[in-house]
Amino acid sequence: MFGQPFFIPSALIALFSLPLIFGWIPRQSIYGVRTPKTLSSDEIWYPANRFAGVVLLVSSFIYLAAAWTIPNTTTVTNIGFALWLIHLGAFALPLIVSLLLIRSYVQTL
């Protein structure tokens, strides 16, 4: 599983989402969901970042589950590229959906 193409980015996203979930990141302009709305108050900052952390963690786990179940063999070029595209989709699609969910959630706050 560690040799899967997007394992490291997915693991890093999962790791960086944990401080957001636990509310360990104070309001600032470097790390977290940074919009004018979230930076305006702690009452918006913490719920927005907690939601973002949970959604990104789920997104990472979706890819990690796919990486665990889908082999990554590069013995045959066409099959290797097709598997890489499957891994790309399993990594990128949940991440894009997560970002859209975060955006819509922040707008409702």
C-alpha atoms as a PDB file:
ATOM      1  CA  MET A   1       0.000   0.000   0.000  1.00  0.00           C
ATOM      2  CA  PHE A   2       2.873   2.419   0.713  1.00  0.00           C
ATOM      3  CA  GLY A   3       3.941   2.206  -2.932  1.00  0.00           C
ATOM      4  CA  GLN A   4       0.603   3.485  -4.219  1.00  0.00           C
ATOM      5  CA  PRO A   5       0.905   6.689  -6.260  1.00  0.00           C
ATOM      6  CA  PHE A   6      -1.081   9.017  -3.991  1.00  0.00           C
ATOM      7  CA  PHE A   7      -0.469   7.389  -0.611  1.00  0.00           C
ATOM      8  CA  ILE A   8       1.823  10.122   0.734  1.00  0.00           C
ATOM      9  CA  PRO A   9      -0.403  13.087  -0.256  1.00  0.00           C
ATOM     10  CA  SER A  10      -3.451  11.305   1.124  1.00  0.00           C
ATOM     11  CA  ALA A  11      -1.689  10.458   4.386  1.00  0.00           C
ATOM     12  CA  LEU A  12      -0.491  14.075   4.727  1.00  0.00           C
ATOM     13  CA  ILE A  13      -4.003  15.426   4.166  1.00  0.00           C
ATOM     14  CA  ALA A  14      -5.283  13.042   6.844  1.00  0.00           C
ATOM     15  CA  LEU A  15      -2.504  14.097   9.213  1.00  0.00           C
ATOM     16  CA  PHE A  16      -3.049  17.831   8.634  1.00  0.00           C
ATOM     17  CA  SER A  17      -6.807  17.488   9.091  1.00  0.00           C
ATOM     18  CA  LEU A  18      -6.502  16.220  12.672  1.00  0.00           C
ATOM     19  CA  PRO A  19      -5.536  19.577  14.270  1.00  0.00           C
ATOM     20  CA  LEU A  20      -8.491  21.167  12.463  1.00  0.00           C
ATOM     21  CA  ILE A  21     -10.879  18.546  13.836  1.00  0.00           C
ATOM     22  CA  PHE A  22      -9.626  18.942  17.395  1.00  0.00           C
ATOM     23  CA  GLY A  23      -9.708  22.752  17.238  1.00  0.00           C
ATOM     24  CA  TRP A  24      -6.007  23.145  17.925  1.00  0.00           C
ATOM     25  CA  ILE A  25      -5.464  25.762  15.211  1.00  0.00           C
ATOM     26  CA  PRO A  26      -6.283  29.319  16.293  1.00  0.00           C
ATOM     27  CA  ARG A  27      -7.636  31.852  13.846  1.00  0.00           C
ATOM     28  CA  GLN A  28      -4.758  33.009  11.629  1.00  0.00           C
ATOM     29  CA  SER A  29      -3.886  33.457   7.960  1.00  0.00           C
ATOM     30  CA  ILE A  30      -1.636  30.446   7.290  1.00  0.00           C
ATOM     31  CA  TYR A  31      -3.412  27.169   8.091  1.00  0.00           C
ATOM     32  CA  GLY A  32      -7.074  26.248   7.863  1.00  0.00           C
ATOM     33  CA  VAL A  33     -10.111  27.479   5.958  1.00  0.00           C
ATOM     34  CA  ARG A  34      -9.180  31.102   5.367  1.00  0.00           C
ATOM     35  CA  THR A  35     -11.913  33.285   3.964  1.00  0.00           C
ATOM     36  CA  PRO A  36     -12.847  36.789   5.063  1.00  0.00           C
ATOM     37  CA  LYS A  37     -15.859  35.238   6.795  1.00  0.00           C
ATOM     38  CA  THR A  38     -13.915  32.599   8.750  1.00  0.00           C
ATOM     39  CA  LEU A  39     -11.178  35.047   9.692  1.00  0.00           C
ATOM     40  CA  SER A  40     -13.747  37.493  11.074  1.00  0.00           C
ATOM     41  CA  SER A  41     -14.593  35.566  14.266  1.00  0.00           C
ATOM     42  CA  ASP A  42     -13.773  32.482  16.294  1.00  0.00           C
ATOM     43  CA  GLU A  43     -17.458  31.496  16.246  1.00  0.00           C
ATOM     44  CA  ILE A  44     -17.136  30.886  12.506  1.00  0.00           C
ATOM     45  CA  TRP A  45     -13.467  29.822  12.384  1.00  0.00           C
ATOM     46  CA  TYR A  46     -13.704  26.740  14.599  1.00  0.00           C
ATOM     47  CA  PRO A  47     -16.889  25.155  13.176  1.00  0.00           C
ATOM     48  CA  ALA A  48     -15.731  25.762   9.588  1.00  0.00           C
ATOM     49  CA  ASN A  49     -12.332  24.221  10.219  1.00  0.00           C
ATOM     50  CA  ARG A  50     -13.751  21.311  12.211  1.00  0.00           C
ATOM     51  CA  PHE A  51     -16.108  20.508   9.321  1.00  0.00           C
ATOM     52  CA  ALA A  52     -13.260  20.874   6.814  1.00  0.00           C
ATOM     53  CA  GLY A  53     -11.034  18.583   8.851  1.00  0.00           C
ATOM     54  CA  VAL A  54     -13.673  15.860   9.062  1.00  0.00           C
ATOM     55  CA  VAL A  55     -14.504  16.059   5.364  1.00  0.00           C
ATOM     56  CA  LEU A  56     -10.835  15.989   4.337  1.00  0.00           C
ATOM     57  CA  LEU A  57     -10.154  13.068   6.673  1.00  0.00           C
ATOM     58  CA  VAL A  58     -13.013  11.101   5.118  1.00  0.00           C
ATOM     59  CA  SER A  59     -11.693  11.993   1.660  1.00  0.00           C
ATOM     60  CA  SER A  60      -8.250  10.692   2.593  1.00  0.00           C
ATOM     61  CA  PHE A  61      -9.679   7.479   4.007  1.00  0.00           C
ATOM     62  CA  ILE A  62     -11.629   6.913   0.790  1.00  0.00           C
ATOM     63  CA  TYR A  63      -8.401   6.985  -1.203  1.00  0.00           C
ATOM     64  CA  LEU A  64      -6.524   4.895   1.359  1.00  0.00           C
ATOM     65  CA  ALA A  65      -9.280   2.271   1.162  1.00  0.00           C
ATOM     66  CA  ALA A  66      -9.023   2.330  -2.634  1.00  0.00           C
ATOM     67  CA  ALA A  67      -5.228   2.075  -2.457  1.00  0.00           C
ATOM     68  CA  TRP A  68      -5.548  -0.915  -0.166  1.00  0.00           C
ATOM     69  CA  THR A  69      -7.953  -2.728  -2.492  1.00  0.00           C
ATOM     70  CA  ILE A  70      -6.686  -1.705  -5.955  1.00  0.00           C
ATOM     71  CA  PRO A  71      -3.250  -3.100  -6.816  1.00  0.00           C
ATOM     72  CA  ASN A  72      -0.701  -0.876  -8.490  1.00  0.00           C
ATOM     73  CA  THR A  73       1.202  -3.040 -10.946  1.00  0.00           C
ATOM     74  CA  THR A  74       3.340  -1.475 -13.613  1.00  0.00           C
ATOM     75  CA  THR A  75       4.389  -4.676 -15.375  1.00  0.00           C
ATOM     76  CA  VAL A  76       2.316  -3.916 -18.467  1.00  0.00           C
ATOM     77  CA  THR A  77       2.424  -0.293 -19.610  1.00  0.00           C
ATOM     78  CA  ASN A  78      -1.231   0.086 -20.610  1.00  0.00           C
ATOM     79  CA  ILE A  79      -2.522  -1.665 -17.503  1.00  0.00           C
ATOM     80  CA  GLY A  80      -0.136   0.326 -15.311  1.00  0.00           C
ATOM     81  CA  PHE A  81      -1.352   3.627 -16.755  1.00  0.00           C
ATOM     82  CA  ALA A  82      -4.991   2.584 -16.434  1.00  0.00           C
ATOM     83  CA  LEU A  83      -4.446   1.671 -12.781  1.00  0.00           C
ATOM     84  CA  TRP A  84      -2.691   4.999 -12.212  1.00  0.00           C
ATOM     85  CA  LEU A  85      -5.730   6.782 -13.669  1.00  0.00           C
ATOM     86  CA  ILE A  86      -8.005   4.804 -11.346  1.00  0.00           C
ATOM     87  CA  HIS A  87      -5.839   5.852  -8.411  1.00  0.00           C
ATOM     88  CA  LEU A  88      -5.908   9.456  -9.603  1.00  0.00           C
ATOM     89  CA  GLY A  89      -9.696   9.369  -9.740  1.00  0.00           C
ATOM     90  CA  ALA A  90      -9.930   7.711  -6.323  1.00  0.00           C
ATOM     91  CA  PHE A  91      -7.716  10.478  -4.918  1.00  0.00           C
ATOM     92  CA  ALA A  92      -8.968  13.532  -6.805  1.00  0.00           C
ATOM     93  CA  LEU A  93     -12.737  12.990  -6.931  1.00  0.00           C
ATOM     94  CA  PRO A  94     -13.299  12.723  -3.157  1.00  0.00           C
ATOM     95  CA  LEU A  95     -10.949  15.660  -2.652  1.00  0.00           C
ATOM     96  CA  ILE A  96     -12.874  17.839  -5.130  1.00  0.00           C
ATOM     97  CA  VAL A  97     -16.190  16.851  -3.552  1.00  0.00           C
ATOM     98  CA  SER A  98     -14.710  17.677  -0.141  1.00  0.00           C
ATOM     99  CA  LEU A  99     -13.639  21.140  -1.253  1.00  0.00           C
ATOM    100  CA  LEU A 100     -17.088  21.822  -2.700  1.00  0.00           C
ATOM    101  CA  LEU A 101     -18.753  20.660   0.530  1.00  0.00           C
ATOM    102  CA  ILE A 102     -16.447  22.876   2.598  1.00  0.00           C
ATOM    103  CA  ARG A 103     -17.204  25.849   0.375  1.00  0.00           C
ATOM    104  CA  SER A 104     -20.957  25.374   0.659  1.00  0.00           C
ATOM    105  CA  TYR A 105     -20.762  24.830   4.433  1.00  0.00           C
ATOM    106  CA  VAL A 106     -18.771  28.030   4.977  1.00  0.00           C
ATOM    107  CA  GLN A 107     -21.345  29.974   2.968  1.00  0.00           C
ATOM    108  CA  THR A 108     -24.109  28.755   5.292  1.00  0.00           C
ATOM    109  CA  LEU A 109     -22.345  30.011   8.429  1.00  0.00           C
END
